């Protein structure tokens, strides 16, 4: 009696592997977003204000 080896993965196995990979990627993205959200960046010290002269505006009719 000779053993046969299946070289083709079953449909459920390939879908299951894909879903597991997708879940891991989703979990990592959510974790990264939460960690970035917890970082407190300093507020700017001075207000940035730039005056644009009226010459640069064109009136289009």
C-alpha atoms as a PDB file:
ATOM      1  CA  UNK A   1       0.000   0.000   0.000  1.00  0.00           C
ATOM      2  CA  UNK A   2       1.360   3.380  -1.012  1.00  0.00           C
ATOM      3  CA  UNK A   3       0.515   6.661   0.685  1.00  0.00           C
ATOM      4  CA  UNK A   4      -0.741   9.530  -1.404  1.00  0.00           C
ATOM      5  CA  UNK A   5       0.187  13.075  -0.593  1.00  0.00           C
ATOM      6  CA  UNK A   6      -2.244  15.886  -1.302  1.00  0.00           C
ATOM      7  CA  UNK A   7      -0.427  18.833  -2.816  1.00  0.00           C
ATOM      8  CA  UNK A   8      -3.517  20.975  -3.277  1.00  0.00           C
ATOM      9  CA  UNK A   9      -4.973  22.806  -0.307  1.00  0.00           C
ATOM     10  CA  UNK A  10      -8.657  22.500   0.362  1.00  0.00           C
ATOM     11  CA  UNK A  11     -10.947  25.478  -0.274  1.00  0.00           C
ATOM     12  CA  UNK A  12     -11.772  25.933   3.412  1.00  0.00           C
ATOM     13  CA  UNK A  13      -8.107  25.864   4.345  1.00  0.00           C
ATOM     14  CA  UNK A  14      -7.156  28.593   1.877  1.00  0.00           C
ATOM     15  CA  UNK A  15     -10.123  30.788   2.870  1.00  0.00           C
ATOM     16  CA  UNK A  16      -9.324  30.251   6.542  1.00  0.00           C
ATOM     17  CA  UNK A  17      -5.701  31.257   6.056  1.00  0.00           C
ATOM     18  CA  UNK A  18      -6.770  34.369   4.156  1.00  0.00           C
ATOM     19  CA  UNK A  19      -9.230  35.371   6.891  1.00  0.00           C
ATOM     20  CA  UNK A  20      -6.610  34.872   9.598  1.00  0.00           C
ATOM     21  CA  UNK A  21      -4.102  37.045   7.707  1.00  0.00           C
ATOM     22  CA  UNK A  22      -6.762  39.690   7.145  1.00  0.00           C
ATOM     23  CA  UNK A  23      -7.673  39.688  10.850  1.00  0.00           C
ATOM     24  CA  UNK A  24      -4.011  40.055  11.884  1.00  0.00           C
ATOM     25  CA  UNK A  25      -3.467  42.966   9.484  1.00  0.00           C
ATOM     26  CA  UNK A  26      -6.676  44.652  10.691  1.00  0.00           C
ATOM     27  CA  UNK A  27      -5.634  44.181  14.330  1.00  0.00           C
ATOM     28  CA  UNK A  28      -2.185  45.681  13.649  1.00  0.00           C
ATOM     29  CA  UNK A  29      -3.678  48.701  11.866  1.00  0.00           C
ATOM     30  CA  UNK A  30      -6.123  49.377  14.711  1.00  0.00           C
ATOM     31  CA  UNK A  31      -3.302  49.022  17.264  1.00  0.00           C
ATOM     32  CA  UNK A  32      -1.066  51.456  15.349  1.00  0.00           C
ATOM     33  CA  UNK A  33      -3.905  53.986  15.049  1.00  0.00           C
ATOM     34  CA  UNK A  34      -4.623  53.781  18.790  1.00  0.00           C
ATOM     35  CA  UNK A  35      -0.936  54.193  19.683  1.00  0.00           C
ATOM     36  CA  UNK A  36      -0.525  57.210  17.389  1.00  0.00           C
ATOM     37  CA  UNK A  37      -3.671  58.754  18.860  1.00  0.00           C
ATOM     38  CA  UNK A  38      -2.208  58.534  22.383  1.00  0.00           C
ATOM     39  CA  UNK A  39       0.861  60.603  21.449  1.00  0.00           C
ATOM     40  CA  UNK A  40       0.430  64.173  22.628  1.00  0.00           C
ATOM     41  CA  UNK A  41       2.071  66.546  20.185  1.00  0.00           C
ATOM     42  CA  UNK A  42       2.934  70.023  21.506  1.00  0.00           C
ATOM     43  CA  UNK A  43       0.807  72.944  20.414  1.00  0.00           C
ATOM     44  CA  UNK A  44       2.505  75.629  18.316  1.00  0.00           C
ATOM     45  CA  UNK A  45       3.776  78.543  20.361  1.00  0.00           C
ATOM     46  CA  UNK A  46       2.916  81.340  17.943  1.00  0.00           C
ATOM     47  CA  UNK A  47       0.049  81.911  15.583  1.00  0.00           C
ATOM     48  CA  UNK A  48       0.957  81.600  11.933  1.00  0.00           C
ATOM     49  CA  UNK A  49      -0.727  84.282   9.902  1.00  0.00           C
ATOM     50  CA  UNK A  50       0.107  85.262   6.367  1.00  0.00           C
ATOM     51  CA  UNK A  51      -1.361  88.306   4.653  1.00  0.00           C
ATOM     52  CA  UNK A  52      -2.102  87.903   0.975  1.00  0.00           C
ATOM     53  CA  UNK A  53      -2.254  91.168  -0.991  1.00  0.00           C
ATOM     54  CA  UNK A  54      -5.343  91.931  -3.050  1.00  0.00           C
ATOM     55  CA  UNK A  55      -3.239  92.161  -6.210  1.00  0.00           C
ATOM     56  CA  UNK A  56      -3.000  88.403  -6.397  1.00  0.00           C
ATOM     57  CA  UNK A  57      -6.756  87.948  -6.561  1.00  0.00           C
ATOM     58  CA  UNK A  58      -8.394  88.151  -9.952  1.00  0.00           C
ATOM     59  CA  UNK A  59     -12.067  88.822 -10.452  1.00  0.00           C
ATOM     60  CA  UNK A  60     -13.529  86.405 -12.949  1.00  0.00           C
ATOM     61  CA  UNK A  61     -16.899  87.260 -14.492  1.00  0.00           C
END
